[in-house]
Amino acid sequence: MDETARGLARDLLQHLAGIPGTARLLVGLYGIPASGKSTFANLLLKYTDALLENDPSKPILISLDGWHLTRAQLDQFPDPKLARDRRGIHWTFDGPAYLQFVRKLREEITPDTQTITAPSFDHAIKDPEPDAVQIHPHHRLVIIEGLYTALNVGSWREAALLLDERWYLELAIDEAQKRLVKRHVVSGVAKDPAEALWRAEENDMPNGRFLLANSLQPTRVILSVEDPVFSLSVSE
C-alpha cells in the first residue's frame, strides 16, 4: 500500500493548498478490523510530512482509540461484563467528547488559537491517557484513523460530516477474519488459533459488520492490501 499512500499524500497536499490558510484539512480513515487503518495512516503521515518539509503547515495523526471509555467507566454500565466483553463497539467510546474535539479542529485558525489536546490509548494500562497529543495551529492537516470516523449514528454522524474526507479501506469480511486470527496469535493476544477465532467472532467481526451497515458514503475507497506481518503462517 506504500505507493497508494505516496500518491494520496500528494492529493492531500493539493487539497490543502486549495483551502484558506486559516482552515484545517480533516481526513477520516476507517475500515473494518484488520483492514490496515493504522499502517496506512502512518504511511500517509510519513509521506505528507516529507512533502511539507519546507512548509510551515504540518500533518498530525490522531487515533480514535484515545476516546475509549476507561475500564472504570465500563464498570458503571448496567452490565459491566457485557461492556468489557464488547469493548471496541461504538457505545464503549466517548462519542460526544470526540465530537467536541472535531468541532474545535473545524474552528478558524487565528493568532489567538490555542493548542488543542487529544487523548491517546496507553496499551500498558489498557486505558486512555488524557491530553496526550497536542494539535498546534500549524497542524493544518489532521488525519484521524479509527473504526467509527464515518459512522452514521448519533454524535458520530455529526463528527463525520465535519470531516473534509472520509476514506474507506475496503476489505472482505472473510479476509479480515483470517488476518485477525493471525494477528491475535502472532501478537500473543490469543494463545492459539482457536482462541483467536473466538475473539474475532465474538467482538471484532460484529463491530466490522455494524460499521459496514451504518457508515456514511466514503469520499474515497482504498483497496486494503495485506500487511506482510499478517502473512506469517500459523499452525492450525
C-alpha atoms as a PDB file:
ATOM      1  CA  MET A   1       0.000   0.000   0.000  1.00  0.00           C
ATOM      2  CA  ASP A   2       3.110   2.150   0.015  1.00  0.00           C
ATOM      3  CA  GLU A   3       2.676   3.566  -3.479  1.00  0.00           C
ATOM      4  CA  THR A   4      -1.002   4.230  -2.877  1.00  0.00           C
ATOM      5  CA  ALA A   5      -0.113   6.215   0.237  1.00  0.00           C
ATOM      6  CA  ARG A   6       2.500   8.204  -1.691  1.00  0.00           C
ATOM      7  CA  GLY A   7       0.000   9.178  -4.352  1.00  0.00           C
ATOM      8  CA  LEU A   8      -2.734  10.074  -1.890  1.00  0.00           C
ATOM      9  CA  ALA A   9      -0.296  12.150   0.164  1.00  0.00           C
ATOM     10  CA  ARG A  10       0.262  14.294  -2.927  1.00  0.00           C
ATOM     11  CA  ASP A  11      -3.506  14.551  -3.428  1.00  0.00           C
ATOM     12  CA  LEU A  12      -3.965  15.706   0.161  1.00  0.00           C
ATOM     13  CA  LEU A  13      -1.393  18.457  -0.193  1.00  0.00           C
ATOM     14  CA  GLN A  14      -3.065  19.699  -3.383  1.00  0.00           C
ATOM     15  CA  HIS A  15      -6.324  19.836  -1.431  1.00  0.00           C
ATOM     16  CA  LEU A  16      -4.608  21.616   1.458  1.00  0.00           C
ATOM     17  CA  ALA A  17      -3.152  24.212  -0.910  1.00  0.00           C
ATOM     18  CA  GLY A  18      -6.632  24.983  -2.172  1.00  0.00           C
ATOM     19  CA  ILE A  19      -8.193  25.922   1.174  1.00  0.00           C
ATOM     20  CA  PRO A  20      -7.652  29.101   3.237  1.00  0.00           C
ATOM     21  CA  GLY A  21      -4.584  29.218   5.482  1.00  0.00           C
ATOM     22  CA  THR A  22      -6.930  29.703   8.430  1.00  0.00           C
ATOM     23  CA  ALA A  23      -8.581  26.302   7.925  1.00  0.00           C
ATOM     24  CA  ARG A  24      -7.580  22.711   8.582  1.00  0.00           C
ATOM     25  CA  LEU A  25      -7.973  19.753   6.260  1.00  0.00           C
ATOM     26  CA  LEU A  26      -9.590  16.933   8.247  1.00  0.00           C
ATOM     27  CA  VAL A  27      -9.295  13.381   6.942  1.00  0.00           C
ATOM     28  CA  GLY A  28     -11.044  10.392   8.489  1.00  0.00           C
ATOM     29  CA  LEU A  29      -9.621   6.956   7.678  1.00  0.00           C
ATOM     30  CA  TYR A  30     -11.840   4.000   8.531  1.00  0.00           C
ATOM     31  CA  GLY A  31     -12.412   0.339   7.778  1.00  0.00           C
ATOM     32  CA  ILE A  32     -13.340  -2.908   9.468  1.00  0.00           C
ATOM     33  CA  PRO A  33     -10.910  -4.538  11.943  1.00  0.00           C
ATOM     34  CA  ALA A  34      -7.670  -5.733  10.282  1.00  0.00           C
ATOM     35  CA  SER A  35      -8.138  -3.537   7.212  1.00  0.00           C
ATOM     36  CA  GLY A  36      -4.816  -1.814   7.899  1.00  0.00           C
ATOM     37  CA  LYS A  37      -6.041   1.570   9.113  1.00  0.00           C
ATOM     38  CA  SER A  38      -3.119   2.273  11.442  1.00  0.00           C
ATOM     39  CA  THR A  39      -0.499   1.107   8.960  1.00  0.00           C
ATOM     40  CA  PHE A  40      -1.948   3.167   6.129  1.00  0.00           C
ATOM     41  CA  ALA A  41      -2.481   6.221   8.328  1.00  0.00           C
ATOM     42  CA  ASN A  42       1.158   6.145   9.401  1.00  0.00           C
ATOM     43  CA  LEU A  43       2.257   5.906   5.774  1.00  0.00           C
ATOM     44  CA  LEU A  44       0.120   8.951   4.942  1.00  0.00           C
ATOM     45  CA  LEU A  45       1.666  10.820   7.846  1.00  0.00           C
ATOM     46  CA  LYS A  46       5.168   9.871   6.729  1.00  0.00           C
ATOM     47  CA  TYR A  47       4.724  10.988   3.128  1.00  0.00           C
ATOM     48  CA  THR A  48       2.740  14.155   3.807  1.00  0.00           C
ATOM     49  CA  ASP A  49       5.310  15.173   6.414  1.00  0.00           C
ATOM     50  CA  ALA A  50       8.116  14.660   3.896  1.00  0.00           C
ATOM     51  CA  LEU A  51       6.307  16.691   1.236  1.00  0.00           C
ATOM     52  CA  LEU A  52       5.661  19.516   3.730  1.00  0.00           C
ATOM     53  CA  GLU A  53       9.302  19.613   4.866  1.00  0.00           C
ATOM     54  CA  ASN A  54       9.784  23.276   3.937  1.00  0.00           C
ATOM     55  CA  ASP A  55       6.216  24.358   4.613  1.00  0.00           C
ATOM     56  CA  PRO A  56       5.008  25.896   7.887  1.00  0.00           C
ATOM     57  CA  SER A  57       1.940  23.632   7.800  1.00  0.00           C
ATOM     58  CA  LYS A  58       2.379  20.169   9.291  1.00  0.00           C
ATOM     59  CA  PRO A  59       0.374  16.934   9.418  1.00  0.00           C
ATOM     60  CA  ILE A  60      -0.615  15.095  12.580  1.00  0.00           C
ATOM     61  CA  LEU A  61      -2.169  11.675  13.148  1.00  0.00           C
ATOM     62  CA  ILE A  62      -4.847  11.056  15.763  1.00  0.00           C
ATOM     63  CA  SER A  63      -6.176   7.627  16.759  1.00  0.00           C
ATOM     64  CA  LEU A  64      -9.810   7.212  17.725  1.00  0.00           C
ATOM     65  CA  ASP A  65      -8.650   4.713  20.377  1.00  0.00           C
ATOM     66  CA  GLY A  66      -7.997   7.622  22.732  1.00  0.00           C
ATOM     67  CA  TRP A  67     -11.760   8.054  23.146  1.00  0.00           C
ATOM     68  CA  HIS A  68     -12.260   4.566  24.572  1.00  0.00           C
ATOM     69  CA  LEU A  69     -14.159   4.692  27.838  1.00  0.00           C
ATOM     70  CA  THR A  70     -11.958   3.649  30.746  1.00  0.00           C
ATOM     71  CA  ARG A  71     -12.434   0.257  32.368  1.00  0.00           C
ATOM     72  CA  ALA A  72     -13.718   2.068  35.450  1.00  0.00           C
ATOM     73  CA  GLN A  73     -16.369   3.766  33.313  1.00  0.00           C
ATOM     74  CA  LEU A  74     -17.345   0.452  31.743  1.00  0.00           C
ATOM     75  CA  ASP A  75     -17.818  -0.949  35.227  1.00  0.00           C
ATOM     76  CA  GLN A  76     -20.567   1.634  35.771  1.00  0.00           C
ATOM     77  CA  PHE A  77     -22.678   0.168  32.957  1.00  0.00           C
ATOM     78  CA  PRO A  78     -25.819  -1.833  33.873  1.00  0.00           C
ATOM     79  CA  ASP A  79     -23.982  -4.935  32.618  1.00  0.00           C
ATOM     80  CA  PRO A  80     -20.263  -4.344  33.285  1.00  0.00           C
ATOM     81  CA  LYS A  81     -19.240  -7.753  31.956  1.00  0.00           C
ATOM     82  CA  LEU A  82     -21.005  -7.135  28.656  1.00  0.00           C
ATOM     83  CA  ALA A  83     -19.445  -3.664  28.408  1.00  0.00           C
ATOM     84  CA  ARG A  84     -15.956  -5.087  28.950  1.00  0.00           C
ATOM     85  CA  ASP A  85     -16.533  -8.024  26.614  1.00  0.00           C
ATOM     86  CA  ARG A  86     -17.785  -5.690  23.867  1.00  0.00           C
ATOM     87  CA  ARG A  87     -15.103  -3.037  24.387  1.00  0.00           C
ATOM     88  CA  GLY A  88     -14.473  -1.652  20.929  1.00  0.00           C
ATOM     89  CA  ILE A  89     -18.093  -1.281  19.837  1.00  0.00           C
ATOM     90  CA  HIS A  90     -19.148   2.340  19.329  1.00  0.00           C
ATOM     91  CA  TRP A  91     -21.038   2.660  22.632  1.00  0.00           C
ATOM     92  CA  THR A  92     -17.860   1.862  24.582  1.00  0.00           C
ATOM     93  CA  PHE A  93     -16.320   5.101  23.276  1.00  0.00           C
ATOM     94  CA  ASP A  94     -16.957   8.682  24.384  1.00  0.00           C
ATOM     95  CA  GLY A  95     -18.627   9.810  21.169  1.00  0.00           C
ATOM     96  CA  PRO A  96     -19.771  13.237  22.451  1.00  0.00           C
ATOM     97  CA  ALA A  97     -16.232  14.106  23.595  1.00  0.00           C
ATOM     98  CA  TYR A  98     -14.876  13.099  20.191  1.00  0.00           C
ATOM     99  CA  LEU A  99     -17.470  15.324  18.507  1.00  0.00           C
ATOM    100  CA  GLN A 100     -16.363  18.277  20.629  1.00  0.00           C
ATOM    101  CA  PHE A 101     -12.773  17.615  19.575  1.00  0.00           C
ATOM    102  CA  VAL A 102     -13.660  17.643  15.872  1.00  0.00           C
ATOM    103  CA  ARG A 103     -15.667  20.840  16.337  1.00  0.00           C
ATOM    104  CA  LYS A 104     -12.583  22.520  17.799  1.00  0.00           C
ATOM    105  CA  LEU A 105     -10.491  21.380  14.844  1.00  0.00           C
ATOM    106  CA  ARG A 106     -13.066  22.876  12.498  1.00  0.00           C
ATOM    107  CA  GLU A 107     -12.766  26.365  14.030  1.00  0.00           C
ATOM    108  CA  GLU A 108     -10.883  29.061  12.140  1.00  0.00           C
ATOM    109  CA  ILE A 109      -7.188  29.350  12.975  1.00  0.00           C
ATOM    110  CA  THR A 110      -6.346  32.845  14.253  1.00  0.00           C
ATOM    111  CA  PRO A 111      -3.370  34.393  16.086  1.00  0.00           C
ATOM    112  CA  ASP A 112      -5.270  33.610  19.294  1.00  0.00           C
ATOM    113  CA  THR A 113      -5.888  29.952  18.505  1.00  0.00           C
ATOM    114  CA  GLN A 114      -4.889  27.747  21.413  1.00  0.00           C
ATOM    115  CA  THR A 115      -3.343  24.294  21.321  1.00  0.00           C
ATOM    116  CA  ILE A 116      -5.972  21.550  21.139  1.00  0.00           C
ATOM    117  CA  THR A 117      -5.331  18.336  23.024  1.00  0.00           C
ATOM    118  CA  ALA A 118      -6.459  14.807  22.275  1.00  0.00           C
ATOM    119  CA  PRO A 119      -6.238  11.592  24.288  1.00  0.00           C
ATOM    120  CA  SER A 120      -4.208   8.572  23.271  1.00  0.00           C
ATOM    121  CA  PHE A 121      -4.541   4.952  24.352  1.00  0.00           C
ATOM    122  CA  ASP A 122      -1.972   3.515  26.752  1.00  0.00           C
ATOM    123  CA  HIS A 123      -1.745  -0.186  25.950  1.00  0.00           C
ATOM    124  CA  ALA A 124       0.293  -0.846  29.081  1.00  0.00           C
ATOM    125  CA  ILE A 125      -2.534   0.197  31.380  1.00  0.00           C
ATOM    126  CA  LYS A 126      -5.262  -0.617  28.811  1.00  0.00           C
ATOM    127  CA  ASP A 127      -6.913   2.787  29.262  1.00  0.00           C
ATOM    128  CA  PRO A 128      -6.837   6.206  27.571  1.00  0.00           C
ATOM    129  CA  GLU A 129      -4.279   8.835  28.510  1.00  0.00           C
ATOM    130  CA  PRO A 130      -5.981  12.277  28.548  1.00  0.00           C
ATOM    131  CA  ASP A 131      -4.394  15.264  26.749  1.00  0.00           C
ATOM    132  CA  ALA A 132      -1.519  13.116  25.460  1.00  0.00           C
ATOM    133  CA  VAL A 133      -1.470  14.619  21.958  1.00  0.00           C
ATOM    134  CA  GLN A 134      -1.120  18.323  21.154  1.00  0.00           C
ATOM    135  CA  ILE A 135      -2.523  19.818  17.979  1.00  0.00           C
ATOM    136  CA  HIS A 136      -0.904  23.198  17.360  1.00  0.00           C
ATOM    137  CA  PRO A 137      -2.125  25.899  14.962  1.00  0.00           C
ATOM    138  CA  HIS A 138       0.491  24.815  12.400  1.00  0.00           C
ATOM    139  CA  HIS A 139      -1.068  21.342  12.277  1.00  0.00           C
ATOM    140  CA  ARG A 140      -3.331  22.084   9.328  1.00  0.00           C
ATOM    141  CA  LEU A 141      -3.594  18.517   8.054  1.00  0.00           C
ATOM    142  CA  VAL A 142      -5.220  16.238  10.615  1.00  0.00           C
ATOM    143  CA  ILE A 143      -5.594  12.521   9.881  1.00  0.00           C
ATOM    144  CA  ILE A 144      -7.948  10.655  12.223  1.00  0.00           C
ATOM    145  CA  GLU A 145      -7.956   6.874  11.996  1.00  0.00           C
ATOM    146  CA  GLY A 146     -10.399   4.509  13.633  1.00  0.00           C
ATOM    147  CA  LEU A 147     -13.398   2.279  13.143  1.00  0.00           C
ATOM    148  CA  TYR A 148     -16.029   4.957  13.606  1.00  0.00           C
ATOM    149  CA  THR A 149     -14.773   8.110  11.879  1.00  0.00           C
ATOM    150  CA  ALA A 150     -17.588   7.761   9.299  1.00  0.00           C
ATOM    151  CA  LEU A 151     -20.247   6.160  11.488  1.00  0.00           C
ATOM    152  CA  ASN A 152     -23.785   7.268  10.640  1.00  0.00           C
ATOM    153  CA  VAL A 153     -25.064   7.065  14.232  1.00  0.00           C
ATOM    154  CA  GLY A 154     -25.752   9.814  16.797  1.00  0.00           C
ATOM    155  CA  SER A 155     -22.904  12.193  17.580  1.00  0.00           C
ATOM    156  CA  TRP A 156     -20.576  10.107  15.382  1.00  0.00           C
ATOM    157  CA  ARG A 157     -22.556  11.184  12.323  1.00  0.00           C
ATOM    158  CA  GLU A 158     -22.231  14.859  13.195  1.00  0.00           C
ATOM    159  CA  ALA A 159     -18.477  14.474  13.657  1.00  0.00           C
ATOM    160  CA  ALA A 160     -18.131  12.548  10.391  1.00  0.00           C
ATOM    161  CA  LEU A 161     -19.949  15.261   8.454  1.00  0.00           C
ATOM    162  CA  LEU A 162     -17.437  17.824   9.755  1.00  0.00           C
ATOM    163  CA  LEU A 163     -14.585  15.972   8.041  1.00  0.00           C
ATOM    164  CA  ASP A 164     -13.389  17.033   4.598  1.00  0.00           C
ATOM    165  CA  GLU A 165     -12.537  13.474   3.575  1.00  0.00           C
ATOM    166  CA  ARG A 166     -13.827  10.062   4.642  1.00  0.00           C
ATOM    167  CA  TRP A 167     -11.513   7.392   3.243  1.00  0.00           C
ATOM    168  CA  TYR A 168     -12.617   3.773   3.475  1.00  0.00           C
ATOM    169  CA  LEU A 169     -10.113   0.904   3.467  1.00  0.00           C
ATOM    170  CA  GLU A 170     -12.020  -1.870   1.718  1.00  0.00           C
ATOM    171  CA  LEU A 171     -11.565  -5.462   2.857  1.00  0.00           C
ATOM    172  CA  ALA A 172     -13.832  -8.515   2.640  1.00  0.00           C
ATOM    173  CA  ILE A 173     -15.174  -9.829   5.944  1.00  0.00           C
ATOM    174  CA  ASP A 174     -13.757 -13.339   5.455  1.00  0.00           C
ATOM    175  CA  GLU A 175     -10.287 -11.971   4.693  1.00  0.00           C
ATOM    176  CA  ALA A 176     -10.470  -9.686   7.720  1.00  0.00           C
ATOM    177  CA  GLN A 177     -11.247 -12.651   9.949  1.00  0.00           C
ATOM    178  CA  LYS A 178      -8.230 -14.570   8.619  1.00  0.00           C
ATOM    179  CA  ARG A 179      -5.972 -11.590   9.286  1.00  0.00           C
ATOM    180  CA  LEU A 180      -7.382 -11.142  12.792  1.00  0.00           C
ATOM    181  CA  VAL A 181      -6.751 -14.767  13.742  1.00  0.00           C
ATOM    182  CA  LYS A 182      -3.133 -14.462  12.595  1.00  0.00           C
ATOM    183  CA  ARG A 183      -2.722 -11.091  14.309  1.00  0.00           C
ATOM    184  CA  HIS A 184      -4.082 -12.330  17.645  1.00  0.00           C
ATOM    185  CA  VAL A 185      -1.767 -15.356  17.630  1.00  0.00           C
ATOM    186  CA  VAL A 186       1.361 -13.509  16.436  1.00  0.00           C
ATOM    187  CA  SER A 187       0.820 -10.686  18.945  1.00  0.00           C
ATOM    188  CA  GLY A 188       0.142 -13.068  21.822  1.00  0.00           C
ATOM    189  CA  VAL A 189      -3.379 -11.765  22.444  1.00  0.00           C
ATOM    190  CA  ALA A 190      -4.596 -15.345  21.955  1.00  0.00           C
ATOM    191  CA  LYS A 191      -2.720 -18.497  22.943  1.00  0.00           C
ATOM    192  CA  ASP A 192      -3.743 -20.461  19.830  1.00  0.00           C
ATOM    193  CA  PRO A 193      -5.814 -20.167  16.625  1.00  0.00           C
ATOM    194  CA  ALA A 194      -8.940 -21.487  18.340  1.00  0.00           C
ATOM    195  CA  GLU A 195      -8.924 -18.730  20.950  1.00  0.00           C
ATOM    196  CA  ALA A 196      -8.026 -16.186  18.275  1.00  0.00           C
ATOM    197  CA  LEU A 197     -11.006 -17.287  16.181  1.00  0.00           C
ATOM    198  CA  TRP A 198     -13.298 -16.947  19.200  1.00  0.00           C
ATOM    199  CA  ARG A 199     -12.032 -13.394  19.833  1.00  0.00           C
ATOM    200  CA  ALA A 200     -12.545 -12.446  16.201  1.00  0.00           C
ATOM    201  CA  GLU A 201     -16.064 -13.887  16.009  1.00  0.00           C
ATOM    202  CA  GLU A 202     -17.278 -12.553  19.366  1.00  0.00           C
ATOM    203  CA  ASN A 203     -16.097  -8.942  19.105  1.00  0.00           C
ATOM    204  CA  ASP A 204     -14.051  -7.856  16.095  1.00  0.00           C
ATOM    205  CA  MET A 205     -16.300  -9.131  13.334  1.00  0.00           C
ATOM    206  CA  PRO A 206     -19.608  -7.967  14.885  1.00  0.00           C
ATOM    207  CA  ASN A 207     -18.047  -4.496  15.127  1.00  0.00           C
ATOM    208  CA  GLY A 208     -16.985  -4.720  11.499  1.00  0.00           C
ATOM    209  CA  ARG A 209     -20.425  -5.787  10.300  1.00  0.00           C
ATOM    210  CA  PHE A 210     -22.033  -2.986  12.296  1.00  0.00           C
ATOM    211  CA  LEU A 211     -19.656  -0.483  10.708  1.00  0.00           C
ATOM    212  CA  LEU A 212     -20.426  -1.732   7.198  1.00  0.00           C
ATOM    213  CA  ALA A 213     -24.168  -1.409   7.801  1.00  0.00           C
ATOM    214  CA  ASN A 214     -24.007   2.023   9.442  1.00  0.00           C
ATOM    215  CA  SER A 215     -21.379   4.190   7.751  1.00  0.00           C
ATOM    216  CA  LEU A 216     -21.732   7.310   5.643  1.00  0.00           C
ATOM    217  CA  GLN A 217     -20.724   7.254   1.999  1.00  0.00           C
ATOM    218  CA  PRO A 218     -16.925   7.444   1.728  1.00  0.00           C
ATOM    219  CA  THR A 219     -15.305  10.159  -0.337  1.00  0.00           C
ATOM    220  CA  ARG A 220     -12.691   7.634  -1.465  1.00  0.00           C
ATOM    221  CA  VAL A 221     -12.361   3.842  -1.375  1.00  0.00           C
ATOM    222  CA  ILE A 222      -8.891   2.336  -0.958  1.00  0.00           C
ATOM    223  CA  LEU A 223      -8.274  -1.371  -1.517  1.00  0.00           C
ATOM    224  CA  SER A 224      -6.623  -2.890   1.536  1.00  0.00           C
ATOM    225  CA  VAL A 225      -3.539  -4.949   0.720  1.00  0.00           C
ATOM    226  CA  GLU A 226      -2.356  -7.447   3.306  1.00  0.00           C
ATOM    227  CA  ASP A 227       0.448  -6.358   5.616  1.00  0.00           C
ATOM    228  CA  PRO A 228       3.431  -8.776   5.482  1.00  0.00           C
ATOM    229  CA  VAL A 229       3.144  -9.278   9.265  1.00  0.00           C
ATOM    230  CA  PHE A 230      -0.221 -10.942   8.787  1.00  0.00           C
ATOM    231  CA  SER A 231       1.167 -13.249   6.098  1.00  0.00           C
ATOM    232  CA  LEU A 232       3.089 -15.255   8.690  1.00  0.00           C
ATOM    233  CA  SER A 233       1.974 -18.856   8.744  1.00  0.00           C
ATOM    234  CA  VAL A 234       0.106 -20.003  11.831  1.00  0.00           C
ATOM    235  CA  SER A 235      -0.239 -23.676  12.709  1.00  0.00           C
ATOM    236  CA  GLU A 236      -3.800 -24.895  12.671  1.00  0.00           C
END
